[in-house]
Amino acid sequence: YSSENIKVFDSVSLNTNDMWVMMRKAYKITYERYKDEFSW
């Protein structure tokens, strides 16, 4: 999960440089996408 879009590697772009906002967004996306697939 990257702060911005990077062409070198695949990533989920969060469009923010703030680490707390990055963490919040990453967890929110993770839950929405994988809540039924992973337990940890």
Full PDB file with SEQRES, HELIX, SHEET, SSBOND, CRYST1, ORIGX, SCALE, CONECT and MASTER records, all heavy atoms in Angstrom:
SEQRES   1 A   40  TYR SER SER GLU ASN ILE LYS VAL PHE ASP SER VAL SER          
SEQRES   2 A   40  LEU ASN THR ASN ASP MET TRP VAL MET MET ARG LYS ALA          
SEQRES   3 A   40  TYR LYS ILE THR TYR GLU ARG TYR LYS ASP GLU PHE SER          
SEQRES   4 A   40  TRP                                                          
HELIX    1 AA1 MET A   19  TYR A   34  1                                  16    
CRYST1    1.000    1.000    1.000  90.00  90.00  90.00 P 1           1          
ORIGX1      1.000000  0.000000  0.000000        0.00000                         
ORIGX2      0.000000  1.000000  0.000000        0.00000                         
ORIGX3      0.000000  0.000000  1.000000        0.00000                         
SCALE1      1.000000  0.000000  0.000000        0.00000                         
SCALE2      0.000000  1.000000  0.000000        0.00000                         
SCALE3      0.000000  0.000000  1.000000        0.00000                         
ATOM      1  N   TYR A   1       0.864  -1.178   0.000  1.00  0.00           N  
ATOM      2  CA  TYR A   1       0.000   0.000   0.000  1.00  0.00           C  
ATOM      3  C   TYR A   1       0.901   1.227   0.000  1.00  0.00           C  
ATOM      4  O   TYR A   1       1.607   1.475   0.969  1.00  0.00           O  
ATOM      5  CB  TYR A   1      -0.913  -0.017   1.222  1.00  0.00           C  
ATOM      6  CG  TYR A   1      -2.000  -1.071   1.140  1.00  0.00           C  
ATOM      7  CD1 TYR A   1      -1.720  -2.409   1.414  1.00  0.00           C  
ATOM      8  CD2 TYR A   1      -3.302  -0.734   0.774  1.00  0.00           C  
ATOM      9  CE1 TYR A   1      -2.708  -3.386   1.329  1.00  0.00           C  
ATOM     10  CE2 TYR A   1      -4.301  -1.705   0.690  1.00  0.00           C  
ATOM     11  CZ  TYR A   1      -3.986  -3.022   0.966  1.00  0.00           C  
ATOM     12  OH  TYR A   1      -4.971  -3.988   0.878  1.00  0.00           O  
ATOM     13  N   SER A   2       0.870   1.964  -1.098  1.00  0.00           N  
ATOM     14  CA  SER A   2       1.810   3.067  -1.269  1.00  0.00           C  
ATOM     15  C   SER A   2       1.138   4.429  -1.137  1.00  0.00           C  
ATOM     16  O   SER A   2      -0.067   4.577  -1.376  1.00  0.00           O  
ATOM     17  CB  SER A   2       2.498   2.971  -2.639  1.00  0.00           C  
ATOM     18  OG  SER A   2       1.530   3.014  -3.677  1.00  0.00           O  
ATOM     19  N   SER A   3       1.946   5.423  -0.763  1.00  0.00           N  
ATOM     20  CA  SER A   3       1.442   6.778  -0.582  1.00  0.00           C  
ATOM     21  C   SER A   3       0.995   7.395  -1.909  1.00  0.00           C  
ATOM     22  O   SER A   3       0.159   8.291  -1.930  1.00  0.00           O  
ATOM     23  CB  SER A   3       2.519   7.651   0.068  1.00  0.00           C  
ATOM     24  OG  SER A   3       3.699   7.642  -0.719  1.00  0.00           O  
ATOM     25  N   GLU A   4       1.566   6.915  -2.995  1.00  0.00           N  
ATOM     26  CA  GLU A   4       1.195   7.400  -4.328  1.00  0.00           C  
ATOM     27  C   GLU A   4       1.445   6.306  -5.354  1.00  0.00           C  
ATOM     28  O   GLU A   4       2.062   5.281  -5.059  1.00  0.00           O  
ATOM     29  CB  GLU A   4       2.002   8.651  -4.672  1.00  0.00           C  
ATOM     30  CG  GLU A   4       3.508   8.427  -4.684  1.00  0.00           C  
ATOM     31  CD  GLU A   4       4.297   9.712  -4.846  1.00  0.00           C  
ATOM     32  OE1 GLU A   4       4.454  10.439  -3.856  1.00  0.00           O  
ATOM     33  OE2 GLU A   4       4.744   9.989  -5.985  1.00  0.00           O  
ATOM     34  N   ASN A   5       0.954   6.530  -6.554  1.00  0.00           N  
ATOM     35  CA  ASN A   5       1.120   5.529  -7.607  1.00  0.00           C  
ATOM     36  C   ASN A   5       2.580   5.450  -8.047  1.00  0.00           C  
ATOM     37  O   ASN A   5       3.196   6.462  -8.376  1.00  0.00           O  
ATOM     38  CB  ASN A   5       0.230   5.899  -8.801  1.00  0.00           C  
ATOM     39  CG  ASN A   5       0.262   4.811  -9.872  1.00  0.00           C  
ATOM     40  OD1 ASN A   5       0.229   3.626  -9.558  1.00  0.00           O  
ATOM     41  ND2 ASN A   5       0.339   5.212 -11.125  1.00  0.00           N  
ATOM     42  N   ILE A   6       3.132   4.261  -8.015  1.00  0.00           N  
ATOM     43  CA  ILE A   6       4.525   4.029  -8.426  1.00  0.00           C  
ATOM     44  C   ILE A   6       4.520   3.051  -9.606  1.00  0.00           C  
ATOM     45  O   ILE A   6       3.957   1.955  -9.518  1.00  0.00           O  
ATOM     46  CB  ILE A   6       5.356   3.427  -7.264  1.00  0.00           C  
ATOM     47  CG1 ILE A   6       5.272   4.315  -6.020  1.00  0.00           C  
ATOM     48  CG2 ILE A   6       6.796   3.236  -7.692  1.00  0.00           C  
ATOM     49  CD1 ILE A   6       5.911   5.663  -6.167  1.00  0.00           C  
ATOM     50  N   LYS A   7       5.155   3.442 -10.697  1.00  0.00           N  
ATOM     51  CA  LYS A   7       5.129   2.605 -11.898  1.00  0.00           C  
ATOM     52  C   LYS A   7       6.043   1.383 -11.792  1.00  0.00           C  
ATOM     53  O   LYS A   7       5.824   0.376 -12.461  1.00  0.00           O  
ATOM     54  CB  LYS A   7       5.531   3.438 -13.113  1.00  0.00           C  
ATOM     55  CG  LYS A   7       4.519   4.546 -13.447  1.00  0.00           C  
ATOM     56  CD  LYS A   7       4.950   5.327 -14.675  1.00  0.00           C  
ATOM     57  CE  LYS A   7       3.935   6.424 -15.007  1.00  0.00           C  
ATOM     58  NZ  LYS A   7       4.354   7.223 -16.194  1.00  0.00           N  
ATOM     59  N   VAL A   8       7.054   1.481 -10.934  1.00  0.00           N  
ATOM     60  CA  VAL A   8       8.055   0.402 -10.857  1.00  0.00           C  
ATOM     61  C   VAL A   8       7.452  -0.896 -10.334  1.00  0.00           C  
ATOM     62  O   VAL A   8       7.724  -1.977 -10.850  1.00  0.00           O  
ATOM     63  CB  VAL A   8       9.240   0.831  -9.955  1.00  0.00           C  
ATOM     64  CG1 VAL A   8      10.310  -0.265  -9.930  1.00  0.00           C  
ATOM     65  CG2 VAL A   8       9.831   2.136 -10.445  1.00  0.00           C  
ATOM     66  N   PHE A   9       6.615  -0.813  -9.272  1.00  0.00           N  
ATOM     67  CA  PHE A   9       6.019  -1.997  -8.661  1.00  0.00           C  
ATOM     68  C   PHE A   9       4.504  -1.841  -8.559  1.00  0.00           C  
ATOM     69  O   PHE A   9       3.981  -0.724  -8.468  1.00  0.00           O  
ATOM     70  CB  PHE A   9       6.575  -2.230  -7.249  1.00  0.00           C  
ATOM     71  CG  PHE A   9       8.054  -2.458  -7.189  1.00  0.00           C  
ATOM     72  CD1 PHE A   9       8.869  -1.645  -6.420  1.00  0.00           C  
ATOM     73  CD2 PHE A   9       8.641  -3.489  -7.903  1.00  0.00           C  
ATOM     74  CE1 PHE A   9      10.238  -1.848  -6.357  1.00  0.00           C  
ATOM     75  CE2 PHE A   9      10.009  -3.705  -7.845  1.00  0.00           C  
ATOM     76  CZ  PHE A   9      10.809  -2.887  -7.078  1.00  0.00           C  
ATOM     77  N   ASP A  10       3.834  -2.983  -8.554  1.00  0.00           N  
ATOM     78  CA  ASP A  10       2.388  -2.967  -8.334  1.00  0.00           C  
ATOM     79  C   ASP A  10       2.098  -2.609  -6.887  1.00  0.00           C  
ATOM     80  O   ASP A  10       2.752  -3.096  -5.969  1.00  0.00           O  
ATOM     81  CB  ASP A  10       1.784  -4.344  -8.636  1.00  0.00           C  
ATOM     82  CG  ASP A  10       1.811  -4.665 -10.125  1.00  0.00           C  
ATOM     83  OD1 ASP A  10       1.792  -3.713 -10.925  1.00  0.00           O  
ATOM     84  OD2 ASP A  10       1.853  -5.858 -10.471  1.00  0.00           O  
ATOM     85  N   SER A  11       1.105  -1.753  -6.690  1.00  0.00           N  
ATOM     86  CA  SER A  11       0.723  -1.389  -5.329  1.00  0.00           C  
ATOM     87  C   SER A  11      -0.691  -0.823  -5.332  1.00  0.00           C  
ATOM     88  O   SER A  11      -1.236  -0.484  -6.382  1.00  0.00           O  
ATOM     89  CB  SER A  11       1.685  -0.354  -4.739  1.00  0.00           C  
ATOM     90  OG  SER A  11       1.590   0.874  -5.447  1.00  0.00           O  
ATOM     91  N   VAL A  12      -1.253  -0.752  -4.138  1.00  0.00           N  
ATOM     92  CA  VAL A  12      -2.548  -0.093  -3.954  1.00  0.00           C  
ATOM     93  C   VAL A  12      -2.246   1.349  -3.566  1.00  0.00           C  
ATOM     94  O   VAL A  12      -1.687   1.603  -2.502  1.00  0.00           O  
ATOM     95  CB  VAL A  12      -3.379  -0.783  -2.850  1.00  0.00           C  
ATOM     96  CG1 VAL A  12      -4.710  -0.060  -2.671  1.00  0.00           C  
ATOM     97  CG2 VAL A  12      -3.593  -2.255  -3.178  1.00  0.00           C  
ATOM     98  N   SER A  13      -2.580   2.289  -4.439  1.00  0.00           N  
ATOM     99  CA  SER A  13      -2.262   3.691  -4.187  1.00  0.00           C  
ATOM    100  C   SER A  13      -3.275   4.298  -3.219  1.00  0.00           C  
ATOM    101  O   SER A  13      -4.481   4.199  -3.418  1.00  0.00           O  
ATOM    102  CB  SER A  13      -2.263   4.476  -5.500  1.00  0.00           C  
ATOM    103  OG  SER A  13      -1.958   5.830  -5.266  1.00  0.00           O  
ATOM    104  N   LEU A  14      -2.766   4.943  -2.161  1.00  0.00           N  
ATOM    105  CA  LEU A  14      -3.627   5.524  -1.135  1.00  0.00           C  
ATOM    106  C   LEU A  14      -3.739   7.047  -1.250  1.00  0.00           C  
ATOM    107  O   LEU A  14      -4.548   7.665  -0.572  1.00  0.00           O  
ATOM    108  CB  LEU A  14      -3.084   5.152   0.254  1.00  0.00           C  
ATOM    109  CG  LEU A  14      -3.018   3.649   0.547  1.00  0.00           C  
ATOM    110  CD1 LEU A  14      -2.322   3.400   1.874  1.00  0.00           C  
ATOM    111  CD2 LEU A  14      -4.407   3.028   0.555  1.00  0.00           C  
ATOM    112  N   ASN A  15      -2.898   7.643  -2.086  1.00  0.00           N  
ATOM    113  CA  ASN A  15      -2.949   9.084  -2.368  1.00  0.00           C  
ATOM    114  C   ASN A  15      -2.860   9.956  -1.113  1.00  0.00           C  
ATOM    115  O   ASN A  15      -3.601  10.927  -0.955  1.00  0.00           O  
ATOM    116  CB  ASN A  15      -4.228   9.425  -3.151  1.00  0.00           C  
ATOM    117  CG  ASN A  15      -4.287   8.692  -4.480  1.00  0.00           C  
ATOM    118  OD1 ASN A  15      -3.303   8.659  -5.212  1.00  0.00           O  
ATOM    119  ND2 ASN A  15      -5.427   8.086  -4.771  1.00  0.00           N  
ATOM    120  N   THR A  16      -1.972   9.603  -0.235  1.00  0.00           N  
ATOM    121  CA  THR A  16      -1.693  10.421   0.940  1.00  0.00           C  
ATOM    122  C   THR A  16      -0.299  10.096   1.435  1.00  0.00           C  
ATOM    123  O   THR A  16       0.176   8.968   1.289  1.00  0.00           O  
ATOM    124  CB  THR A  16      -2.712  10.175   2.071  1.00  0.00           C  
ATOM    125  OG1 THR A  16      -2.347  10.975   3.215  1.00  0.00           O  
ATOM    126  CG2 THR A  16      -2.728   8.707   2.499  1.00  0.00           C  
ATOM    127  N   ASN A  17       0.358  11.094   2.029  1.00  0.00           N  
ATOM    128  CA  ASN A  17       1.700  10.890   2.568  1.00  0.00           C  
ATOM    129  C   ASN A  17       1.675  10.729   4.075  1.00  0.00           C  
ATOM    130  O   ASN A  17       2.688  10.452   4.701  1.00  0.00           O  
ATOM    131  CB  ASN A  17       2.593  12.088   2.192  1.00  0.00           C  
ATOM    132  CG  ASN A  17       4.052  11.708   2.154  1.00  0.00           C  
ATOM    133  OD1 ASN A  17       4.430  10.685   1.590  1.00  0.00           O  
ATOM    134  ND2 ASN A  17       4.892  12.534   2.766  1.00  0.00           N  
ATOM    135  N   ASP A  18       0.507  10.889   4.673  1.00  0.00           N  
ATOM    136  CA  ASP A  18       0.333  10.795   6.119  1.00  0.00           C  
ATOM    137  C   ASP A  18       0.242   9.327   6.539  1.00  0.00           C  
ATOM    138  O   ASP A  18      -0.642   8.598   6.084  1.00  0.00           O  
ATOM    139  CB  ASP A  18      -0.943  11.540   6.524  1.00  0.00           C  
ATOM    140  CG  ASP A  18      -1.134  11.596   8.028  1.00  0.00           C  
ATOM    141  OD1 ASP A  18      -1.456  10.542   8.610  1.00  0.00           O  
ATOM    142  OD2 ASP A  18      -0.983  12.684   8.614  1.00  0.00           O  
ATOM    143  N   MET A  19       1.135   8.878   7.415  1.00  0.00           N  
ATOM    144  CA  MET A  19       1.202   7.460   7.773  1.00  0.00           C  
ATOM    145  C   MET A  19      -0.063   6.954   8.475  1.00  0.00           C  
ATOM    146  O   MET A  19      -0.489   5.820   8.268  1.00  0.00           O  
ATOM    147  CB  MET A  19       2.424   7.189   8.648  1.00  0.00           C  
ATOM    148  CG  MET A  19       3.738   7.203   7.892  1.00  0.00           C  
ATOM    149  SD  MET A  19       3.825   5.943   6.588  1.00  0.00           S  
ATOM    150  CE  MET A  19       3.896   4.441   7.565  1.00  0.00           C  
ATOM    151  N   TRP A  20      -0.665   7.790   9.307  1.00  0.00           N  
ATOM    152  CA  TRP A  20      -1.888   7.376   9.985  1.00  0.00           C  
ATOM    153  C   TRP A  20      -3.040   7.222   8.997  1.00  0.00           C  
ATOM    154  O   TRP A  20      -3.794   6.255   9.036  1.00  0.00           O  
ATOM    155  CB  TRP A  20      -2.243   8.369  11.080  1.00  0.00           C  
ATOM    156  CG  TRP A  20      -3.607   8.204  11.703  1.00  0.00           C  
ATOM    157  CD1 TRP A  20      -4.533   9.177  11.911  1.00  0.00           C  
ATOM    158  CD2 TRP A  20      -4.197   6.997  12.234  1.00  0.00           C  
ATOM    159  NE1 TRP A  20      -5.661   8.669  12.527  1.00  0.00           N  
ATOM    160  CE2 TRP A  20      -5.477   7.333  12.737  1.00  0.00           C  
ATOM    161  CE3 TRP A  20      -3.770   5.673  12.318  1.00  0.00           C  
ATOM    162  CZ2 TRP A  20      -6.331   6.395  13.320  1.00  0.00           C  
ATOM    163  CZ3 TRP A  20      -4.620   4.739  12.900  1.00  0.00           C  
ATOM    164  CH2 TRP A  20      -5.873   5.093  13.384  1.00  0.00           C  
ATOM    165  N   VAL A  21      -3.150   8.160   8.062  1.00  0.00           N  
ATOM    166  CA  VAL A  21      -4.191   8.061   7.039  1.00  0.00           C  
ATOM    167  C   VAL A  21      -3.927   6.851   6.143  1.00  0.00           C  
ATOM    168  O   VAL A  21      -4.853   6.130   5.757  1.00  0.00           O  
ATOM    169  CB  VAL A  21      -4.279   9.361   6.208  1.00  0.00           C  
ATOM    170  CG1 VAL A  21      -5.373   9.247   5.140  1.00  0.00           C  
ATOM    171  CG2 VAL A  21      -4.557  10.556   7.102  1.00  0.00           C  
ATOM    172  N   MET A  22      -2.665   6.592   5.838  1.00  0.00           N  
ATOM    173  CA  MET A  22      -2.305   5.411   5.041  1.00  0.00           C  
ATOM    174  C   MET A  22      -2.740   4.133   5.747  1.00  0.00           C  
ATOM    175  O   MET A  22      -3.336   3.242   5.143  1.00  0.00           O  
ATOM    176  CB  MET A  22      -0.791   5.376   4.783  1.00  0.00           C  
ATOM    177  CG  MET A  22      -0.292   6.348   3.738  1.00  0.00           C  
ATOM    178  SD  MET A  22       1.506   6.239   3.512  1.00  0.00           S  
ATOM    179  CE  MET A  22       1.671   4.575   2.798  1.00  0.00           C  
ATOM    180  N   MET A  23      -2.439   4.059   7.053  1.00  0.00           N  
ATOM    181  CA  MET A  23      -2.790   2.866   7.823  1.00  0.00           C  
ATOM    182  C   MET A  23      -4.302   2.676   7.865  1.00  0.00           C  
ATOM    183  O   MET A  23      -4.809   1.558   7.653  1.00  0.00           O  
ATOM    184  CB  MET A  23      -2.219   2.971   9.234  1.00  0.00           C  
ATOM    185  CG  MET A  23      -2.460   1.735  10.094  1.00  0.00           C  
ATOM    186  SD  MET A  23      -1.770   1.898  11.773  1.00  0.00           S  
ATOM    187  CE  MET A  23      -0.034   1.583  11.463  1.00  0.00           C  
ATOM    188  N   ARG A  24      -5.035   3.747   8.128  1.00  0.00           N  
ATOM    189  CA  ARG A  24      -6.505   3.684   8.180  1.00  0.00           C  
ATOM    190  C   ARG A  24      -7.076   3.169   6.857  1.00  0.00           C  
ATOM    191  O   ARG A  24      -7.912   2.267   6.823  1.00  0.00           O  
ATOM    192  CB  ARG A  24      -7.076   5.075   8.455  1.00  0.00           C  
ATOM    193  CG  ARG A  24      -6.921   5.587   9.863  1.00  0.00           C  
ATOM    194  CD  ARG A  24      -7.244   7.070   9.926  1.00  0.00           C  
ATOM    195  NE  ARG A  24      -8.615   7.357   9.513  1.00  0.00           N  
ATOM    196  CZ  ARG A  24      -9.609   7.601  10.355  1.00  0.00           C  
ATOM    197  NH1 ARG A  24      -9.382   7.596  11.661  1.00  0.00           N  
ATOM    198  NH2 ARG A  24     -10.814   7.864   9.913  1.00  0.00           N  
ATOM    199  N   LYS A  25      -6.609   3.784   5.768  1.00  0.00           N  
ATOM    200  CA  LYS A  25      -7.118   3.416   4.443  1.00  0.00           C  
ATOM    201  C   LYS A  25      -6.772   1.969   4.092  1.00  0.00           C  
ATOM    202  O   LYS A  25      -7.597   1.235   3.546  1.00  0.00           O  
ATOM    203  CB  LYS A  25      -6.562   4.359   3.382  1.00  0.00           C  
ATOM    204  CG  LYS A  25      -7.188   5.738   3.376  1.00  0.00           C  
ATOM    205  CD  LYS A  25      -6.701   6.537   2.173  1.00  0.00           C  
ATOM    206  CE  LYS A  25      -7.452   7.856   2.037  1.00  0.00           C  
ATOM    207  NZ  LYS A  25      -7.037   8.598   0.825  1.00  0.00           N  
ATOM    208  N   ALA A  26      -5.530   1.571   4.408  1.00  0.00           N  
ATOM    209  CA  ALA A  26      -5.088   0.207   4.100  1.00  0.00           C  
ATOM    210  C   ALA A  26      -5.935  -0.821   4.832  1.00  0.00           C  
ATOM    211  O   ALA A  26      -6.383  -1.817   4.247  1.00  0.00           O  
ATOM    212  CB  ALA A  26      -3.613   0.032   4.456  1.00  0.00           C  
ATOM    213  N   TYR A  27      -6.180  -0.591   6.124  1.00  0.00           N  
ATOM    214  CA  TYR A  27      -7.011  -1.513   6.903  1.00  0.00           C  
ATOM    215  C   TYR A  27      -8.452  -1.546   6.384  1.00  0.00           C  
ATOM    216  O   TYR A  27      -9.079  -2.601   6.332  1.00  0.00           O  
ATOM    217  CB  TYR A  27      -7.002  -1.115   8.375  1.00  0.00           C  
ATOM    218  CG  TYR A  27      -5.845  -1.669   9.169  1.00  0.00           C  
ATOM    219  CD1 TYR A  27      -5.170  -0.873  10.104  1.00  0.00           C  
ATOM    220  CD2 TYR A  27      -5.418  -2.992   9.014  1.00  0.00           C  
ATOM    221  CE1 TYR A  27      -4.113  -1.387  10.853  1.00  0.00           C  
ATOM    222  CE2 TYR A  27      -4.362  -3.500   9.755  1.00  0.00           C  
ATOM    223  CZ  TYR A  27      -3.713  -2.696  10.672  1.00  0.00           C  
ATOM    224  OH  TYR A  27      -2.673  -3.210  11.409  1.00  0.00           O  
ATOM    225  N   LYS A  28      -8.973  -0.385   6.016  1.00  0.00           N  
ATOM    226  CA  LYS A  28     -10.356  -0.313   5.544  1.00  0.00           C  
ATOM    227  C   LYS A  28     -10.519  -1.075   4.227  1.00  0.00           C  
ATOM    228  O   LYS A  28     -11.453  -1.861   4.056  1.00  0.00           O  
ATOM    229  CB  LYS A  28     -10.765   1.150   5.353  1.00  0.00           C  
ATOM    230  CG  LYS A  28     -12.243   1.336   5.063  1.00  0.00           C  
ATOM    231  CD  LYS A  28     -12.629   2.801   5.076  1.00  0.00           C  
ATOM    232  CE  LYS A  28     -14.133   2.943   4.819  1.00  0.00           C  
ATOM    233  NZ  LYS A  28     -14.538   4.379   4.806  1.00  0.00           N  
ATOM    234  N   ILE A  29      -9.582  -0.870   3.299  1.00  0.00           N  
ATOM    235  CA  ILE A  29      -9.613  -1.576   2.013  1.00  0.00           C  
ATOM    236  C   ILE A  29      -9.458  -3.077   2.238  1.00  0.00           C  
ATOM    237  O   ILE A  29     -10.164  -3.891   1.634  1.00  0.00           O  
ATOM    238  CB  ILE A  29      -8.498  -1.054   1.078  1.00  0.00           C  
ATOM    239  CG1 ILE A  29      -8.787   0.395   0.667  1.00  0.00           C  
ATOM    240  CG2 ILE A  29      -8.362  -1.947  -0.155  1.00  0.00           C  
ATOM    241  CD1 ILE A  29      -7.624   1.076  -0.023  1.00  0.00           C  
ATOM    242  N   THR A  30      -8.528  -3.435   3.126  1.00  0.00           N  
ATOM    243  CA  THR A  30      -8.280  -4.844   3.434  1.00  0.00           C  
ATOM    244  C   THR A  30      -9.542  -5.530   3.956  1.00  0.00           C  
ATOM    245  O   THR A  30      -9.887  -6.626   3.518  1.00  0.00           O  
ATOM    246  CB  THR A  30      -7.149  -4.974   4.476  1.00  0.00           C  
ATOM    247  OG1 THR A  30      -5.939  -4.487   3.901  1.00  0.00           O  
ATOM    248  CG2 THR A  30      -6.956  -6.419   4.904  1.00  0.00           C  
ATOM    249  N   TYR A  31     -10.212  -4.879   4.884  1.00  0.00           N  
ATOM    250  CA  TYR A  31     -11.431  -5.480   5.455  1.00  0.00           C  
ATOM    251  C   TYR A  31     -12.504  -5.648   4.391  1.00  0.00           C  
ATOM    252  O   TYR A  31     -13.146  -6.703   4.299  1.00  0.00           O  
ATOM    253  CB  TYR A  31     -11.956  -4.619   6.599  1.00  0.00           C  
ATOM    254  CG  TYR A  31     -13.178  -5.217   7.255  1.00  0.00           C  
ATOM    255  CD1 TYR A  31     -13.078  -6.346   8.076  1.00  0.00           C  
ATOM    256  CD2 TYR A  31     -14.451  -4.684   7.045  1.00  0.00           C  
ATOM    257  CE1 TYR A  31     -14.190  -6.920   8.668  1.00  0.00           C  
ATOM    258  CE2 TYR A  31     -15.577  -5.245   7.627  1.00  0.00           C  
ATOM    259  CZ  TYR A  31     -15.440  -6.355   8.434  1.00  0.00           C  
ATOM    260  OH  TYR A  31     -16.554  -6.931   9.012  1.00  0.00           O  
ATOM    261  N   GLU A  32     -12.698  -4.627   3.583  1.00  0.00           N  
ATOM    262  CA  GLU A  32     -13.738  -4.689   2.546  1.00  0.00           C  
ATOM    263  C   GLU A  32     -13.469  -5.806   1.534  1.00  0.00           C  
ATOM    264  O   GLU A  32     -14.389  -6.476   1.077  1.00  0.00           O  
ATOM    265  CB  GLU A  32     -13.843  -3.341   1.841  1.00  0.00           C  
ATOM    266  CG  GLU A  32     -14.427  -2.236   2.714  1.00  0.00           C  
ATOM    267  CD  GLU A  32     -14.299  -0.855   2.083  1.00  0.00           C  
ATOM    268  OE1 GLU A  32     -13.638  -0.749   1.013  1.00  0.00           O  
ATOM    269  OE2 GLU A  32     -14.851   0.104   2.656  1.00  0.00           O  
ATOM    270  N   ARG A  33     -12.208  -6.000   1.211  1.00  0.00           N  
ATOM    271  CA  ARG A  33     -11.861  -6.968   0.159  1.00  0.00           C  
ATOM    272  C   ARG A  33     -11.659  -8.401   0.673  1.00  0.00           C  
ATOM    273  O   ARG A  33     -11.959  -9.363  -0.035  1.00  0.00           O  
ATOM    274  CB  ARG A  33     -10.583  -6.520  -0.556  1.00  0.00           C  
ATOM    275  CG  ARG A  33     -10.744  -5.261  -1.379  1.00  0.00           C  
ATOM    276  CD  ARG A  33      -9.436  -4.917  -2.083  1.00  0.00           C  
ATOM    277  NE  ARG A  33      -9.559  -3.709  -2.888  1.00  0.00           N  
ATOM    278  CZ  ARG A  33      -8.548  -3.155  -3.568  1.00  0.00           C  
ATOM    279  NH1 ARG A  33      -7.330  -3.704  -3.499  1.00  0.00           N  
ATOM    280  NH2 ARG A  33      -8.736  -2.062  -4.276  1.00  0.00           N  
ATOM    281  N   TYR A  34     -11.133  -8.532   1.897  1.00  0.00           N  
ATOM    282  CA  TYR A  34     -10.672  -9.859   2.327  1.00  0.00           C  
ATOM    283  C   TYR A  34     -11.268 -10.364   3.637  1.00  0.00           C  
ATOM    284  O   TYR A  34     -10.765 -11.323   4.209  1.00  0.00           O  
ATOM    285  CB  TYR A  34      -9.139  -9.844   2.438  1.00  0.00           C  
ATOM    286  CG  TYR A  34      -8.460  -9.443   1.159  1.00  0.00           C  
ATOM    287  CD1 TYR A  34      -7.754  -8.239   1.065  1.00  0.00           C  
ATOM    288  CD2 TYR A  34      -8.540 -10.249   0.020  1.00  0.00           C  
ATOM    289  CE1 TYR A  34      -7.141  -7.865  -0.119  1.00  0.00           C  
ATOM    290  CE2 TYR A  34      -7.924  -9.878  -1.162  1.00  0.00           C  
ATOM    291  CZ  TYR A  34      -7.234  -8.686  -1.238  1.00  0.00           C  
ATOM    292  OH  TYR A  34      -6.630  -8.312  -2.417  1.00  0.00           O  
ATOM    293  N   LYS A  35     -12.332  -9.742   4.115  1.00  0.00           N  
ATOM    294  CA  LYS A  35     -12.916 -10.153   5.400  1.00  0.00           C  
ATOM    295  C   LYS A  35     -13.412 -11.591   5.396  1.00  0.00           C  
ATOM    296  O   LYS A  35     -13.495 -12.234   6.448  1.00  0.00           O  
ATOM    297  CB  LYS A  35     -14.053  -9.212   5.791  1.00  0.00           C  
ATOM    298  CG  LYS A  35     -15.201  -9.177   4.793  1.00  0.00           C  
ATOM    299  CD  LYS A  35     -16.241  -8.142   5.201  1.00  0.00           C  
ATOM    300  CE  LYS A  35     -17.339  -8.028   4.164  1.00  0.00           C  
ATOM    301  NZ  LYS A  35     -18.311  -6.970   4.506  1.00  0.00           N  
ATOM    302  N   ASP A  36     -13.741 -12.118   4.223  1.00  0.00           N  
ATOM    303  CA  ASP A  36     -14.240 -13.495   4.138  1.00  0.00           C  
ATOM    304  C   ASP A  36     -13.166 -14.489   3.692  1.00  0.00           C  
ATOM    305  O   ASP A  36     -13.438 -15.677   3.553  1.00  0.00           O  
ATOM    306  CB  ASP A  36     -15.434 -13.569   3.171  1.00  0.00           C  
ATOM    307  CG  ASP A  36     -16.614 -12.736   3.638  1.00  0.00           C  
ATOM    308  OD1 ASP A  36     -16.867 -12.715   4.864  1.00  0.00           O  
ATOM    309  OD2 ASP A  36     -17.262 -12.086   2.799  1.00  0.00           O  
ATOM    310  N   GLU A  37     -11.954 -13.988   3.455  1.00  0.00           N  
ATOM    311  CA  GLU A  37     -10.901 -14.849   2.904  1.00  0.00           C  
ATOM    312  C   GLU A  37      -9.775 -15.140   3.894  1.00  0.00           C  
ATOM    313  O   GLU A  37      -9.170 -16.215   3.856  1.00  0.00           O  
ATOM    314  CB  GLU A  37     -10.332 -14.190   1.645  1.00  0.00           C  
ATOM    315  CG  GLU A  37      -9.441 -15.099   0.825  1.00  0.00           C  
ATOM    316  CD  GLU A  37      -9.013 -14.462  -0.486  1.00  0.00           C  
ATOM    317  OE1 GLU A  37      -9.643 -13.467  -0.915  1.00  0.00           O  
ATOM    318  OE2 GLU A  37      -8.028 -14.952  -1.076  1.00  0.00           O  
ATOM    319  N   PHE A  38      -9.486 -14.182   4.780  1.00  0.00           N  
ATOM    320  CA  PHE A  38      -8.390 -14.348   5.738  1.00  0.00           C  
ATOM    321  C   PHE A  38      -8.882 -14.075   7.154  1.00  0.00           C  
ATOM    322  O   PHE A  38      -9.845 -13.336   7.357  1.00  0.00           O  
ATOM    323  CB  PHE A  38      -7.238 -13.390   5.412  1.00  0.00           C  
ATOM    324  CG  PHE A  38      -6.609 -13.642   4.077  1.00  0.00           C  
ATOM    325  CD1 PHE A  38      -7.035 -12.936   2.958  1.00  0.00           C  
ATOM    326  CD2 PHE A  38      -5.605 -14.576   3.924  1.00  0.00           C  
ATOM    327  CE1 PHE A  38      -6.471 -13.169   1.711  1.00  0.00           C  
ATOM    328  CE2 PHE A  38      -5.034 -14.830   2.690  1.00  0.00           C  
ATOM    329  CZ  PHE A  38      -5.471 -14.112   1.577  1.00  0.00           C  
ATOM    330  N   SER A  39      -8.199 -14.708   8.118  1.00  0.00           N  
ATOM    331  CA  SER A  39      -8.554 -14.513   9.526  1.00  0.00           C  
ATOM    332  C   SER A  39      -7.510 -13.710  10.288  1.00  0.00           C  
ATOM    333  O   SER A  39      -7.787 -13.190  11.372  1.00  0.00           O  
ATOM    334  CB  SER A  39      -8.729 -15.877  10.213  1.00  0.00           C  
ATOM    335  OG  SER A  39      -9.791 -16.594   9.616  1.00  0.00           O  
ATOM    336  N   TRP A  40      -6.297 -13.613   9.725  1.00  0.00           N  
ATOM    337  CA  TRP A  40      -5.214 -12.896  10.393  1.00  0.00           C  
ATOM    338  C   TRP A  40      -4.578 -11.902   9.430  1.00  0.00           C  
ATOM    339  O   TRP A  40      -4.356 -12.218   8.251  1.00  0.00           O  
ATOM    340  CB  TRP A  40      -4.153 -13.870  10.902  1.00  0.00           C  
ATOM    341  CG  TRP A  40      -4.676 -14.799  11.955  1.00  0.00           C  
ATOM    342  CD1 TRP A  40      -5.055 -16.094  11.797  1.00  0.00           C  
ATOM    343  CD2 TRP A  40      -4.893 -14.482  13.343  1.00  0.00           C  
ATOM    344  NE1 TRP A  40      -5.493 -16.613  12.988  1.00  0.00           N  
ATOM    345  CE2 TRP A  40      -5.408 -15.645  13.961  1.00  0.00           C  
ATOM    346  CE3 TRP A  40      -4.697 -13.332  14.120  1.00  0.00           C  
ATOM    347  CZ2 TRP A  40      -5.725 -15.685  15.314  1.00  0.00           C  
ATOM    348  CZ3 TRP A  40      -5.020 -13.367  15.462  1.00  0.00           C  
ATOM    349  CH2 TRP A  40      -5.522 -14.538  16.054  1.00  0.00           C  
TER     350      TRP A  40                                                      
MASTER        0    0    0    1    0    0    0    6  349    1    0    4          
END                                                                             
